[in-house]
Amino acid sequence: MIAEPAGRLRPAELRRDFDLSRERMARLIDVSAKTIERWEERDGLPDRTSGRIRLEFARLQEIRTLGLMVYTPEGFRLFLQTPLEELGGRTSLQAIEQGAVELVIAALAADYEGLGF
C-alpha cells in the first residue's frame, strides 16, 4: 500500500485509503468527479496535469503515507472522520477541503509522537 514508486500518483489508491467517493475526492482536488474517474481508469494523472493539481495529490499522498505509518487503515479512516479540537472541531477531511492541510499533517505528527488523537 505505501511501498509504491516515489512520485507515482495513483488516484484510486488515494481514494480507497481516504475512503472517499469520487465526488468527495473531486472536491478535495477541485476537479470534477468525471476527471477522477478518467484518472482512475488510466491509473494515474496525465502528463499534462497542472502543477496545482499535482501538488494537491502529492499533499494527499503525504497525509496518507504518514497516516498509514501512524495507524492501521481502519484507524486512519477514523482519524480522517473524527472532529478534532486542534482542527477547530473539524474532521481532517473538512480541514483538507478548507485548505488546512498543514494542520492535518501536524495532528498526524502529534499522534505519531503519542501526543494526540
PDB file of N, CA and C in Angstrom:
ATOM      1  N   MET A   1       0.824  -1.191   0.000  1.00  0.00           N
ATOM      2  CA  MET A   1       0.000   0.000   0.000  1.00  0.00           C
ATOM      3  C   MET A   1       0.870   1.256   0.000  1.00  0.00           C
ATOM      4  N   ILE A   2       1.825   1.369   0.918  1.00  0.00           N
ATOM      5  CA  ILE A   2       2.681   2.546   1.000  1.00  0.00           C
ATOM      6  C   ILE A   2       3.881   2.402   0.060  1.00  0.00           C
ATOM      7  N   ALA A   3       4.283   1.192  -0.251  1.00  0.00           N
ATOM      8  CA  ALA A   3       5.521   0.954  -0.995  1.00  0.00           C
ATOM      9  C   ALA A   3       5.337   1.095  -2.499  1.00  0.00           C
ATOM     10  N   GLU A   4       4.827   2.236  -2.948  1.00  0.00           N
ATOM     11  CA  GLU A   4       4.733   2.479  -4.376  1.00  0.00           C
ATOM     12  C   GLU A   4       5.906   3.351  -4.790  1.00  0.00           C
ATOM     13  N   PRO A   5       6.239   3.369  -6.067  1.00  0.00           N
ATOM     14  CA  PRO A   5       7.362   4.187  -6.509  1.00  0.00           C
ATOM     15  C   PRO A   5       7.163   5.650  -6.152  1.00  0.00           C
ATOM     16  N   ALA A   6       8.239   6.321  -5.753  1.00  0.00           N
ATOM     17  CA  ALA A   6       8.164   7.734  -5.405  1.00  0.00           C
ATOM     18  C   ALA A   6       7.666   8.522  -6.601  1.00  0.00           C
ATOM     19  N   GLY A   7       6.793   9.485  -6.352  1.00  0.00           N
ATOM     20  CA  GLY A   7       6.287  10.331  -7.404  1.00  0.00           C
ATOM     21  C   GLY A   7       5.096   9.759  -8.153  1.00  0.00           C
ATOM     22  N   ARG A   8       4.783   8.515  -7.981  1.00  0.00           N
ATOM     23  CA  ARG A   8       3.657   7.882  -8.680  1.00  0.00           C
ATOM     24  C   ARG A   8       2.374   8.241  -7.959  1.00  0.00           C
ATOM     25  N   LEU A   9       1.527   9.004  -8.621  1.00  0.00           N
ATOM     26  CA  LEU A   9       0.261   9.421  -8.030  1.00  0.00           C
ATOM     27  C   LEU A   9      -0.843   8.529  -8.573  1.00  0.00           C
ATOM     28  N   ARG A  10      -1.463   7.768  -7.688  1.00  0.00           N
ATOM     29  CA  ARG A  10      -2.490   6.815  -8.088  1.00  0.00           C
ATOM     30  C   ARG A  10      -3.808   7.196  -7.433  1.00  0.00           C
ATOM     31  N   PRO A  11      -4.669   7.869  -8.181  1.00  0.00           N
ATOM     32  CA  PRO A  11      -5.928   8.359  -7.618  1.00  0.00           C
ATOM     33  C   PRO A  11      -6.793   7.279  -6.962  1.00  0.00           C
ATOM     34  N   ALA A  12      -6.895   6.109  -7.555  1.00  0.00           N
ATOM     35  CA  ALA A  12      -7.754   5.063  -6.994  1.00  0.00           C
ATOM     36  C   ALA A  12      -7.258   4.616  -5.616  1.00  0.00           C
ATOM     37  N   GLU A  13      -5.938   4.510  -5.440  1.00  0.00           N
ATOM     38  CA  GLU A  13      -5.388   4.107  -4.143  1.00  0.00           C
ATOM     39  C   GLU A  13      -5.613   5.189  -3.092  1.00  0.00           C
ATOM     40  N   LEU A  14      -5.406   6.436  -3.470  1.00  0.00           N
ATOM     41  CA  LEU A  14      -5.658   7.525  -2.524  1.00  0.00           C
ATOM     42  C   LEU A  14      -7.122   7.539  -2.105  1.00  0.00           C
ATOM     43  N   ARG A  15      -7.991   7.416  -3.087  1.00  0.00           N
ATOM     44  CA  ARG A  15      -9.427   7.462  -2.795  1.00  0.00           C
ATOM     45  C   ARG A  15      -9.833   6.299  -1.889  1.00  0.00           C
ATOM     46  N   ARG A  16      -9.274   5.127  -2.154  1.00  0.00           N
ATOM     47  CA  ARG A  16      -9.565   3.953  -1.324  1.00  0.00           C
ATOM     48  C   ARG A  16      -9.088   4.168   0.111  1.00  0.00           C
ATOM     49  N   ASP A  17      -7.858   4.622   0.273  1.00  0.00           N
ATOM     50  CA  ASP A  17      -7.302   4.778   1.613  1.00  0.00           C
ATOM     51  C   ASP A  17      -7.962   5.907   2.398  1.00  0.00           C
ATOM     52  N   PHE A  18      -8.437   6.928   1.686  1.00  0.00           N
ATOM     53  CA  PHE A  18      -9.172   8.009   2.343  1.00  0.00           C
ATOM     54  C   PHE A  18     -10.647   7.662   2.507  1.00  0.00           C
ATOM     55  N   ASP A  19     -11.080   6.552   1.894  1.00  0.00           N
ATOM     56  CA  ASP A  19     -12.465   6.094   1.950  1.00  0.00           C
ATOM     57  C   ASP A  19     -13.417   7.179   1.438  1.00  0.00           C
ATOM     58  N   LEU A  20     -13.135   7.647   0.222  1.00  0.00           N
ATOM     59  CA  LEU A  20     -13.901   8.750  -0.361  1.00  0.00           C
ATOM     60  C   LEU A  20     -14.648   8.319  -1.609  1.00  0.00           C
ATOM     61  N   SER A  21     -15.771   8.972  -1.836  1.00  0.00           N
ATOM     62  CA  SER A  21     -16.451   8.837  -3.120  1.00  0.00           C
ATOM     63  C   SER A  21     -15.663   9.645  -4.150  1.00  0.00           C
ATOM     64  N   ARG A  22     -15.933   9.408  -5.395  1.00  0.00           N
ATOM     65  CA  ARG A  22     -15.274  10.211  -6.433  1.00  0.00           C
ATOM     66  C   ARG A  22     -15.642  11.684  -6.285  1.00  0.00           C
ATOM     67  N   GLU A  23     -16.877  11.927  -5.897  1.00  0.00           N
ATOM     68  CA  GLU A  23     -17.342  13.309  -5.744  1.00  0.00           C
ATOM     69  C   GLU A  23     -16.566  14.028  -4.633  1.00  0.00           C
ATOM     70  N   ARG A  24     -16.381  13.360  -3.518  1.00  0.00           N
ATOM     71  CA  ARG A  24     -15.657  13.991  -2.403  1.00  0.00           C
ATOM     72  C   ARG A  24     -14.185  14.173  -2.755  1.00  0.00           C
ATOM     73  N   MET A  25     -13.599  13.190  -3.418  1.00  0.00           N
ATOM     74  CA  MET A  25     -12.205  13.319  -3.853  1.00  0.00           C
ATOM     75  C   MET A  25     -12.082  14.493  -4.829  1.00  0.00           C
ATOM     76  N   ALA A  26     -13.043  14.636  -5.714  1.00  0.00           N
ATOM     77  CA  ALA A  26     -13.032  15.745  -6.673  1.00  0.00           C
ATOM     78  C   ALA A  26     -13.066  17.087  -5.953  1.00  0.00           C
ATOM     79  N   ARG A  27     -13.844  17.185  -4.881  1.00  0.00           N
ATOM     80  CA  ARG A  27     -13.884  18.428  -4.104  1.00  0.00           C
ATOM     81  C   ARG A  27     -12.537  18.712  -3.439  1.00  0.00           C
ATOM     82  N   LEU A  28     -11.876  17.683  -2.947  1.00  0.00           N
ATOM     83  CA  LEU A  28     -10.574  17.882  -2.310  1.00  0.00           C
ATOM     84  C   LEU A  28      -9.541  18.419  -3.303  1.00  0.00           C
ATOM     85  N   ILE A  29      -9.627  17.988  -4.558  1.00  0.00           N
ATOM     86  CA  ILE A  29      -8.645  18.363  -5.574  1.00  0.00           C
ATOM     87  C   ILE A  29      -9.130  19.548  -6.408  1.00  0.00           C
ATOM     88  N   ASP A  30     -10.426  19.839  -6.350  1.00  0.00           N
ATOM     89  CA  ASP A  30     -11.044  20.918  -7.123  1.00  0.00           C
ATOM     90  C   ASP A  30     -11.075  20.598  -8.614  1.00  0.00           C
ATOM     91  N   VAL A  31     -11.561  19.372  -8.905  1.00  0.00           N
ATOM     92  CA  VAL A  31     -11.815  18.947 -10.277  1.00  0.00           C
ATOM     93  C   VAL A  31     -13.187  18.266 -10.280  1.00  0.00           C
ATOM     94  N   SER A  32     -13.623  17.773 -11.426  1.00  0.00           N
ATOM     95  CA  SER A  32     -14.910  17.082 -11.493  1.00  0.00           C
ATOM     96  C   SER A  32     -14.749  15.601 -11.128  1.00  0.00           C
ATOM     97  N   ALA A  33     -15.852  14.992 -10.725  1.00  0.00           N
ATOM     98  CA  ALA A  33     -15.847  13.559 -10.422  1.00  0.00           C
ATOM     99  C   ALA A  33     -15.518  12.759 -11.682  1.00  0.00           C
ATOM    100  N   LYS A  34     -15.939  13.242 -12.836  1.00  0.00           N
ATOM    101  CA  LYS A  34     -15.640  12.572 -14.107  1.00  0.00           C
ATOM    102  C   LYS A  34     -14.124  12.571 -14.360  1.00  0.00           C
ATOM    103  N   THR A  35     -13.456  13.652 -13.979  1.00  0.00           N
ATOM    104  CA  THR A  35     -11.998  13.720 -14.126  1.00  0.00           C
ATOM    105  C   THR A  35     -11.336  12.662 -13.241  1.00  0.00           C
ATOM    106  N   ILE A  36     -11.803  12.533 -12.000  1.00  0.00           N
ATOM    107  CA  ILE A  36     -11.266  11.496 -11.098  1.00  0.00           C
ATOM    108  C   ILE A  36     -11.468  10.120 -11.722  1.00  0.00           C
ATOM    109  N   GLU A  37     -12.661   9.880 -12.280  1.00  0.00           N
ATOM    110  CA  GLU A  37     -12.952   8.592 -12.910  1.00  0.00           C
ATOM    111  C   GLU A  37     -11.979   8.312 -14.059  1.00  0.00           C
ATOM    112  N   ARG A  38     -11.730   9.303 -14.908  1.00  0.00           N
ATOM    113  CA  ARG A  38     -10.789   9.111 -16.026  1.00  0.00           C
ATOM    114  C   ARG A  38      -9.383   8.807 -15.513  1.00  0.00           C
ATOM    115  N   TRP A  39      -8.946   9.529 -14.482  1.00  0.00           N
ATOM    116  CA  TRP A  39      -7.617   9.292 -13.937  1.00  0.00           C
ATOM    117  C   TRP A  39      -7.506   7.886 -13.357  1.00  0.00           C
ATOM    118  N   GLU A  40      -8.572   7.421 -12.710  1.00  0.00           N
ATOM    119  CA  GLU A  40      -8.554   6.064 -12.156  1.00  0.00           C
ATOM    120  C   GLU A  40      -8.493   5.027 -13.268  1.00  0.00           C
ATOM    121  N   GLU A  41      -9.212   5.269 -14.360  1.00  0.00           N
ATOM    122  CA  GLU A  41      -9.168   4.335 -15.489  1.00  0.00           C
ATOM    123  C   GLU A  41      -7.771   4.266 -16.090  1.00  0.00           C
ATOM    124  N   ARG A  42      -7.042   5.379 -16.088  1.00  0.00           N
ATOM    125  CA  ARG A  42      -5.670   5.432 -16.618  1.00  0.00           C
ATOM    126  C   ARG A  42      -4.637   5.023 -15.577  1.00  0.00           C
ATOM    127  N   ASP A  43      -5.061   4.861 -14.322  1.00  0.00           N
ATOM    128  CA  ASP A  43      -4.180   4.518 -13.207  1.00  0.00           C
ATOM    129  C   ASP A  43      -3.113   5.579 -12.978  1.00  0.00           C
ATOM    130  N   GLY A  44      -3.495   6.828 -13.144  1.00  0.00           N
ATOM    131  CA  GLY A  44      -2.564   7.921 -12.883  1.00  0.00           C
ATOM    132  C   GLY A  44      -3.024   9.208 -13.539  1.00  0.00           C
ATOM    133  N   LEU A  45      -2.309  10.253 -13.238  1.00  0.00           N
ATOM    134  CA  LEU A  45      -2.609  11.556 -13.805  1.00  0.00           C
ATOM    135  C   LEU A  45      -1.925  11.691 -15.159  1.00  0.00           C
ATOM    136  N   PRO A  46      -2.588  12.337 -16.122  1.00  0.00           N
ATOM    137  CA  PRO A  46      -1.931  12.576 -17.412  1.00  0.00           C
ATOM    138  C   PRO A  46      -0.723  13.490 -17.233  1.00  0.00           C
ATOM    139  N   ASP A  47       0.233  13.384 -18.114  1.00  0.00           N
ATOM    140  CA  ASP A  47       1.442  14.205 -18.037  1.00  0.00           C
ATOM    141  C   ASP A  47       1.129  15.695 -18.064  1.00  0.00           C
ATOM    142  N   ARG A  48       0.069  16.082 -18.738  1.00  0.00           N
ATOM    143  CA  ARG A  48      -0.256  17.494 -18.885  1.00  0.00           C
ATOM    144  C   ARG A  48      -1.045  18.070 -17.707  1.00  0.00           C
ATOM    145  N   THR A  49      -1.208  17.313 -16.644  1.00  0.00           N
ATOM    146  CA  THR A  49      -1.938  17.782 -15.474  1.00  0.00           C
ATOM    147  C   THR A  49      -1.214  18.967 -14.845  1.00  0.00           C
ATOM    148  N   SER A  50      -1.975  19.957 -14.426  1.00  0.00           N
ATOM    149  CA  SER A  50      -1.375  21.182 -13.881  1.00  0.00           C
ATOM    150  C   SER A  50      -0.568  20.914 -12.612  1.00  0.00           C
ATOM    151  N   GLY A  51       0.357  21.808 -12.363  1.00  0.00           N
ATOM    152  CA  GLY A  51       1.187  21.716 -11.167  1.00  0.00           C
ATOM    153  C   GLY A  51       0.370  21.826  -9.894  1.00  0.00           C
ATOM    154  N   ARG A  52      -0.679  22.651  -9.910  1.00  0.00           N
ATOM    155  CA  ARG A  52      -1.532  22.810  -8.730  1.00  0.00           C
ATOM    156  C   ARG A  52      -2.205  21.490  -8.365  1.00  0.00           C
ATOM    157  N   ILE A  53      -2.725  20.792  -9.367  1.00  0.00           N
ATOM    158  CA  ILE A  53      -3.405  19.516  -9.109  1.00  0.00           C
ATOM    159  C   ILE A  53      -2.397  18.472  -8.650  1.00  0.00           C
ATOM    160  N   ARG A  54      -1.229  18.442  -9.271  1.00  0.00           N
ATOM    161  CA  ARG A  54      -0.186  17.501  -8.839  1.00  0.00           C
ATOM    162  C   ARG A  54       0.229  17.772  -7.394  1.00  0.00           C
ATOM    163  N   LEU A  55       0.318  19.041  -7.034  1.00  0.00           N
ATOM    164  CA  LEU A  55       0.657  19.405  -5.661  1.00  0.00           C
ATOM    165  C   LEU A  55      -0.423  18.935  -4.693  1.00  0.00           C
ATOM    166  N   GLU A  56      -1.692  19.131  -5.041  1.00  0.00           N
ATOM    167  CA  GLU A  56      -2.785  18.671  -4.170  1.00  0.00           C
ATOM    168  C   GLU A  56      -2.728  17.155  -3.983  1.00  0.00           C
ATOM    169  N   PHE A  57      -2.500  16.411  -5.075  1.00  0.00           N
ATOM    170  CA  PHE A  57      -2.374  14.960  -4.958  1.00  0.00           C
ATOM    171  C   PHE A  57      -1.175  14.578  -4.109  1.00  0.00           C
ATOM    172  N   ALA A  58      -0.060  15.257  -4.293  1.00  0.00           N
ATOM    173  CA  ALA A  58       1.143  14.951  -3.516  1.00  0.00           C
ATOM    174  C   ALA A  58       0.895  15.204  -2.031  1.00  0.00           C
ATOM    175  N   ARG A  59       0.163  16.256  -1.702  1.00  0.00           N
ATOM    176  CA  ARG A  59      -0.139  16.546  -0.297  1.00  0.00           C
ATOM    177  C   ARG A  59      -1.051  15.472   0.285  1.00  0.00           C
ATOM    178  N   LEU A  60      -2.041  15.026  -0.482  1.00  0.00           N
ATOM    179  CA  LEU A  60      -2.897  13.936  -0.006  1.00  0.00           C
ATOM    180  C   LEU A  60      -2.084  12.658   0.166  1.00  0.00           C
ATOM    181  N   GLN A  61      -1.174  12.420  -0.756  1.00  0.00           N
ATOM    182  CA  GLN A  61      -0.326  11.228  -0.653  1.00  0.00           C
ATOM    183  C   GLN A  61       0.549  11.306   0.598  1.00  0.00           C
ATOM    184  N   GLU A  62       1.053  12.496   0.914  1.00  0.00           N
ATOM    185  CA  GLU A  62       1.861  12.677   2.122  1.00  0.00           C
ATOM    186  C   GLU A  62       1.029  12.377   3.369  1.00  0.00           C
ATOM    187  N   ILE A  63      -0.195  12.877   3.405  1.00  0.00           N
ATOM    188  CA  ILE A  63      -1.089  12.604   4.536  1.00  0.00           C
ATOM    189  C   ILE A  63      -1.362  11.113   4.632  1.00  0.00           C
ATOM    190  N   ARG A  64      -1.629  10.485   3.495  1.00  0.00           N
ATOM    191  CA  ARG A  64      -1.906   9.044   3.503  1.00  0.00           C
ATOM    192  C   ARG A  64      -0.703   8.252   3.999  1.00  0.00           C
ATOM    193  N   THR A  65       0.472   8.569   3.508  1.00  0.00           N
ATOM    194  CA  THR A  65       1.680   7.844   3.906  1.00  0.00           C
ATOM    195  C   THR A  65       1.910   7.970   5.412  1.00  0.00           C
ATOM    196  N   LEU A  66       1.842   9.198   5.918  1.00  0.00           N
ATOM    197  CA  LEU A  66       2.034   9.410   7.349  1.00  0.00           C
ATOM    198  C   LEU A  66       0.919   8.747   8.151  1.00  0.00           C
ATOM    199  N   GLY A  67      -0.320   8.898   7.683  1.00  0.00           N
ATOM    200  CA  GLY A  67      -1.462   8.298   8.385  1.00  0.00           C
ATOM    201  C   GLY A  67      -1.349   6.790   8.502  1.00  0.00           C
ATOM    202  N   LEU A  68      -0.865   6.151   7.440  1.00  0.00           N
ATOM    203  CA  LEU A  68      -0.734   4.693   7.477  1.00  0.00           C
ATOM    204  C   LEU A  68       0.511   4.234   8.232  1.00  0.00           C
ATOM    205  N   MET A  69       1.440   5.155   8.494  1.00  0.00           N
ATOM    206  CA  MET A  69       2.563   4.846   9.380  1.00  0.00           C
ATOM    207  C   MET A  69       2.103   4.884  10.834  1.00  0.00           C
ATOM    208  N   VAL A  70       1.188   5.797  11.124  1.00  0.00           N
ATOM    209  CA  VAL A  70       0.709   6.004  12.494  1.00  0.00           C
ATOM    210  C   VAL A  70      -0.384   5.006  12.848  1.00  0.00           C
ATOM    211  N   TYR A  71      -1.285   4.742  11.916  1.00  0.00           N
ATOM    212  CA  TYR A  71      -2.484   3.940  12.177  1.00  0.00           C
ATOM    213  C   TYR A  71      -2.593   2.747  11.238  1.00  0.00           C
ATOM    214  N   THR A  72      -3.484   1.852  11.592  1.00  0.00           N
ATOM    215  CA  THR A  72      -3.931   0.829  10.658  1.00  0.00           C
ATOM    216  C   THR A  72      -4.811   1.539   9.621  1.00  0.00           C
ATOM    217  N   PRO A  73      -5.128   0.893   8.506  1.00  0.00           N
ATOM    218  CA  PRO A  73      -6.037   1.539   7.547  1.00  0.00           C
ATOM    219  C   PRO A  73      -7.360   1.961   8.183  1.00  0.00           C
ATOM    220  N   GLU A  74      -7.918   1.128   9.056  1.00  0.00           N
ATOM    221  CA  GLU A  74      -9.179   1.477   9.715  1.00  0.00           C
ATOM    222  C   GLU A  74      -8.989   2.647  10.679  1.00  0.00           C
ATOM    223  N   GLY A  75      -7.885   2.654  11.396  1.00  0.00           N
ATOM    224  CA  GLY A  75      -7.587   3.755  12.305  1.00  0.00           C
ATOM    225  C   GLY A  75      -7.371   5.065  11.561  1.00  0.00           C
ATOM    226  N   PHE A  76      -6.747   4.990  10.393  1.00  0.00           N
ATOM    227  CA  PHE A  76      -6.543   6.184   9.571  1.00  0.00           C
ATOM    228  C   PHE A  76      -7.888   6.750   9.122  1.00  0.00           C
ATOM    229  N   ARG A  77      -8.786   5.885   8.696  1.00  0.00           N
ATOM    230  CA  ARG A  77     -10.119   6.360   8.278  1.00  0.00           C
ATOM    231  C   ARG A  77     -10.850   7.000   9.451  1.00  0.00           C
ATOM    232  N   LEU A  78     -10.710   6.432  10.631  1.00  0.00           N
ATOM    233  CA  LEU A  78     -11.328   7.016  11.820  1.00  0.00           C
ATOM    234  C   LEU A  78     -10.721   8.383  12.118  1.00  0.00           C
ATOM    235  N   PHE A  79      -9.409   8.495  12.018  1.00  0.00           N
ATOM    236  CA  PHE A  79      -8.736   9.779  12.203  1.00  0.00           C
ATOM    237  C   PHE A  79      -9.305  10.822  11.241  1.00  0.00           C
ATOM    238  N   LEU A  80      -9.496  10.444   9.988  1.00  0.00           N
ATOM    239  CA  LEU A  80      -9.995  11.385   8.974  1.00  0.00           C
ATOM    240  C   LEU A  80     -11.421  11.845   9.243  1.00  0.00           C
ATOM    241  N   GLN A  81     -12.210  11.017   9.925  1.00  0.00           N
ATOM    242  CA  GLN A  81     -13.636  11.303  10.109  1.00  0.00           C
ATOM    243  C   GLN A  81     -13.994  11.822  11.495  1.00  0.00           C
ATOM    244  N   THR A  82     -13.039  11.908  12.400  1.00  0.00           N
ATOM    245  CA  THR A  82     -13.305  12.331  13.773  1.00  0.00           C
ATOM    246  C   THR A  82     -13.029  13.821  13.942  1.00  0.00           C
ATOM    247  N   PRO A  83     -13.999  14.597  14.441  1.00  0.00           N
ATOM    248  CA  PRO A  83     -13.728  16.013  14.716  1.00  0.00           C
ATOM    249  C   PRO A  83     -12.634  16.133  15.783  1.00  0.00           C
ATOM    250  N   LEU A  84     -11.661  17.001  15.530  1.00  0.00           N
ATOM    251  CA  LEU A  84     -10.526  17.161  16.436  1.00  0.00           C
ATOM    252  C   LEU A  84     -10.451  18.600  16.935  1.00  0.00           C
ATOM    253  N   GLU A  85     -10.162  18.748  18.211  1.00  0.00           N
ATOM    254  CA  GLU A  85     -10.033  20.075  18.811  1.00  0.00           C
ATOM    255  C   GLU A  85      -8.962  20.904  18.097  1.00  0.00           C
ATOM    256  N   GLU A  86      -7.817  20.272  17.786  1.00  0.00           N
ATOM    257  CA  GLU A  86      -6.727  21.009  17.153  1.00  0.00           C
ATOM    258  C   GLU A  86      -7.050  21.452  15.724  1.00  0.00           C
ATOM    259  N   LEU A  87      -8.156  20.954  15.184  1.00  0.00           N
ATOM    260  CA  LEU A  87      -8.615  21.372  13.857  1.00  0.00           C
ATOM    261  C   LEU A  87      -9.865  22.249  13.977  1.00  0.00           C
ATOM    262  N   GLY A  88     -10.071  22.818  15.152  1.00  0.00           N
ATOM    263  CA  GLY A  88     -11.216  23.689  15.363  1.00  0.00           C
ATOM    264  C   GLY A  88     -12.538  22.945  15.358  1.00  0.00           C
ATOM    265  N   GLY A  89     -12.515  21.692  15.778  1.00  0.00           N
ATOM    266  CA  GLY A  89     -13.734  20.886  15.811  1.00  0.00           C
ATOM    267  C   GLY A  89     -14.098  20.274  14.465  1.00  0.00           C
ATOM    268  N   ARG A  90     -13.244  20.491  13.466  1.00  0.00           N
ATOM    269  CA  ARG A  90     -13.486  19.911  12.143  1.00  0.00           C
ATOM    270  C   ARG A  90     -12.872  18.523  12.064  1.00  0.00           C
ATOM    271  N   THR A  91     -13.338  17.737  11.108  1.00  0.00           N
ATOM    272  CA  THR A  91     -12.666  16.481  10.809  1.00  0.00           C
ATOM    273  C   THR A  91     -11.459  16.812   9.940  1.00  0.00           C
ATOM    274  N   SER A  92     -10.555  15.863   9.818  1.00  0.00           N
ATOM    275  CA  SER A  92      -9.388  16.080   8.958  1.00  0.00           C
ATOM    276  C   SER A  92      -9.805  16.309   7.514  1.00  0.00           C
ATOM    277  N   LEU A  93     -10.808  15.572   7.058  1.00  0.00           N
ATOM    278  CA  LEU A  93     -11.271  15.767   5.684  1.00  0.00           C
ATOM    279  C   LEU A  93     -11.838  17.169   5.482  1.00  0.00           C
ATOM    280  N   GLN A  94     -12.594  17.665   6.461  1.00  0.00           N
ATOM    281  CA  GLN A  94     -13.116  19.028   6.358  1.00  0.00           C
ATOM    282  C   GLN A  94     -11.964  20.038   6.334  1.00  0.00           C
ATOM    283  N   ALA A  95     -10.984  19.821   7.179  1.00  0.00           N
ATOM    284  CA  ALA A  95      -9.833  20.726   7.219  1.00  0.00           C
ATOM    285  C   ALA A  95      -9.084  20.723   5.888  1.00  0.00           C
ATOM    286  N   ILE A  96      -8.922  19.543   5.293  1.00  0.00           N
ATOM    287  CA  ILE A  96      -8.252  19.453   3.997  1.00  0.00           C
ATOM    288  C   ILE A  96      -9.050  20.215   2.945  1.00  0.00           C
ATOM    289  N   GLU A  97     -10.364  20.009   2.926  1.00  0.00           N
ATOM    290  CA  GLU A  97     -11.222  20.716   1.968  1.00  0.00           C
ATOM    291  C   GLU A  97     -11.114  22.226   2.129  1.00  0.00           C
ATOM    292  N   GLN A  98     -10.865  22.688   3.331  1.00  0.00           N
ATOM    293  CA  GLN A  98     -10.793  24.120   3.610  1.00  0.00           C
ATOM    294  C   GLN A  98      -9.367  24.662   3.538  1.00  0.00           C
ATOM    295  N   GLY A  99      -8.440  23.839   3.054  1.00  0.00           N
ATOM    296  CA  GLY A  99      -7.078  24.299   2.825  1.00  0.00           C
ATOM    297  C   GLY A  99      -6.146  24.226   4.020  1.00  0.00           C
ATOM    298  N   ALA A 100      -6.543  23.534   5.081  1.00  0.00           N
ATOM    299  CA  ALA A 100      -5.719  23.448   6.294  1.00  0.00           C
ATOM    300  C   ALA A 100      -4.928  22.139   6.334  1.00  0.00           C
ATOM    301  N   VAL A 101      -4.286  21.811   5.233  1.00  0.00           N
ATOM    302  CA  VAL A 101      -3.528  20.559   5.126  1.00  0.00           C
ATOM    303  C   VAL A 101      -2.420  20.497   6.165  1.00  0.00           C
ATOM    304  N   GLU A 102      -1.728  21.625   6.387  1.00  0.00           N
ATOM    305  CA  GLU A 102      -0.612  21.634   7.343  1.00  0.00           C
ATOM    306  C   GLU A 102      -1.092  21.276   8.750  1.00  0.00           C
ATOM    307  N   LEU A 103      -2.298  21.707   9.122  1.00  0.00           N
ATOM    308  CA  LEU A 103      -2.833  21.361  10.444  1.00  0.00           C
ATOM    309  C   LEU A 103      -3.094  19.866  10.558  1.00  0.00           C
ATOM    310  N   VAL A 104      -3.554  19.260   9.476  1.00  0.00           N
ATOM    311  CA  VAL A 104      -3.804  17.810   9.474  1.00  0.00           C
ATOM    312  C   VAL A 104      -2.480  17.069   9.615  1.00  0.00           C
ATOM    313  N   ILE A 105      -1.476  17.507   8.887  1.00  0.00           N
ATOM    314  CA  ILE A 105      -0.150  16.877   8.989  1.00  0.00           C
ATOM    315  C   ILE A 105       0.400  17.044  10.407  1.00  0.00           C
ATOM    316  N   ALA A 106       0.205  18.216  10.999  1.00  0.00           N
ATOM    317  CA  ALA A 106       0.660  18.448  12.377  1.00  0.00           C
ATOM    318  C   ALA A 106      -0.067  17.527  13.355  1.00  0.00           C
ATOM    319  N   ALA A 107      -1.372  17.325  13.150  1.00  0.00           N
ATOM    320  CA  ALA A 107      -2.136  16.426  14.028  1.00  0.00           C
ATOM    321  C   ALA A 107      -1.625  14.993  13.895  1.00  0.00           C
ATOM    322  N   LEU A 108      -1.328  14.567  12.672  1.00  0.00           N
ATOM    323  CA  LEU A 108      -0.766  13.229  12.467  1.00  0.00           C
ATOM    324  C   LEU A 108       0.602  13.101  13.117  1.00  0.00           C
ATOM    325  N   ALA A 109       1.418  14.130  12.996  1.00  0.00           N
ATOM    326  CA  ALA A 109       2.745  14.105  13.623  1.00  0.00           C
ATOM    327  C   ALA A 109       2.635  14.009  15.123  1.00  0.00           C
ATOM    328  N   ALA A 110       1.678  14.740  15.708  1.00  0.00           N
ATOM    329  CA  ALA A 110       1.463  14.671  17.164  1.00  0.00           C
ATOM    330  C   ALA A 110       1.023  13.260  17.570  1.00  0.00           C
ATOM    331  N   ASP A 111       0.175  12.647  16.755  1.00  0.00           N
ATOM    332  CA  ASP A 111      -0.253  11.272  17.040  1.00  0.00           C
ATOM    333  C   ASP A 111       0.928  10.315  16.926  1.00  0.00           C
ATOM    334  N   TYR A 112       1.780  10.531  15.962  1.00  0.00           N
ATOM    335  CA  TYR A 112       2.961   9.696  15.783  1.00  0.00           C
ATOM    336  C   TYR A 112       3.843   9.755  17.025  1.00  0.00           C
ATOM    337  N   GLU A 113       3.923  10.945  17.621  1.00  0.00           N
ATOM    338  CA  GLU A 113       4.745  11.132  18.813  1.00  0.00           C
ATOM    339  C   GLU A 113       3.977  10.809  20.100  1.00  0.00           C
ATOM    340  N   GLY A 114       2.725  10.364  19.962  1.00  0.00           N
ATOM    341  CA  GLY A 114       1.943   9.973  21.116  1.00  0.00           C
ATOM    342  C   GLY A 114       1.308  11.127  21.866  1.00  0.00           C
ATOM    343  N   LEU A 115       1.117  12.256  21.198  1.00  0.00           N
ATOM    344  CA  LEU A 115       0.594  13.444  21.864  1.00  0.00           C
ATOM    345  C   LEU A 115      -0.851  13.776  21.519  1.00  0.00           C
ATOM    346  N   GLY A 116      -1.448  13.070  20.559  1.00  0.00           N
ATOM    347  CA  GLY A 116      -2.776  13.491  20.093  1.00  0.00           C
ATOM    348  C   GLY A 116      -3.799  12.393  20.119  1.00  0.00           C
ATOM    349  N   PHE A 117      -4.722  12.478  19.168  1.00  0.00           N
ATOM    350  CA  PHE A 117      -5.858  11.594  18.919  1.00  0.00           C
ATOM    351  C   PHE A 117      -5.675  10.278  19.575  1.00  0.00           C
TER     352      PHE A 117
END
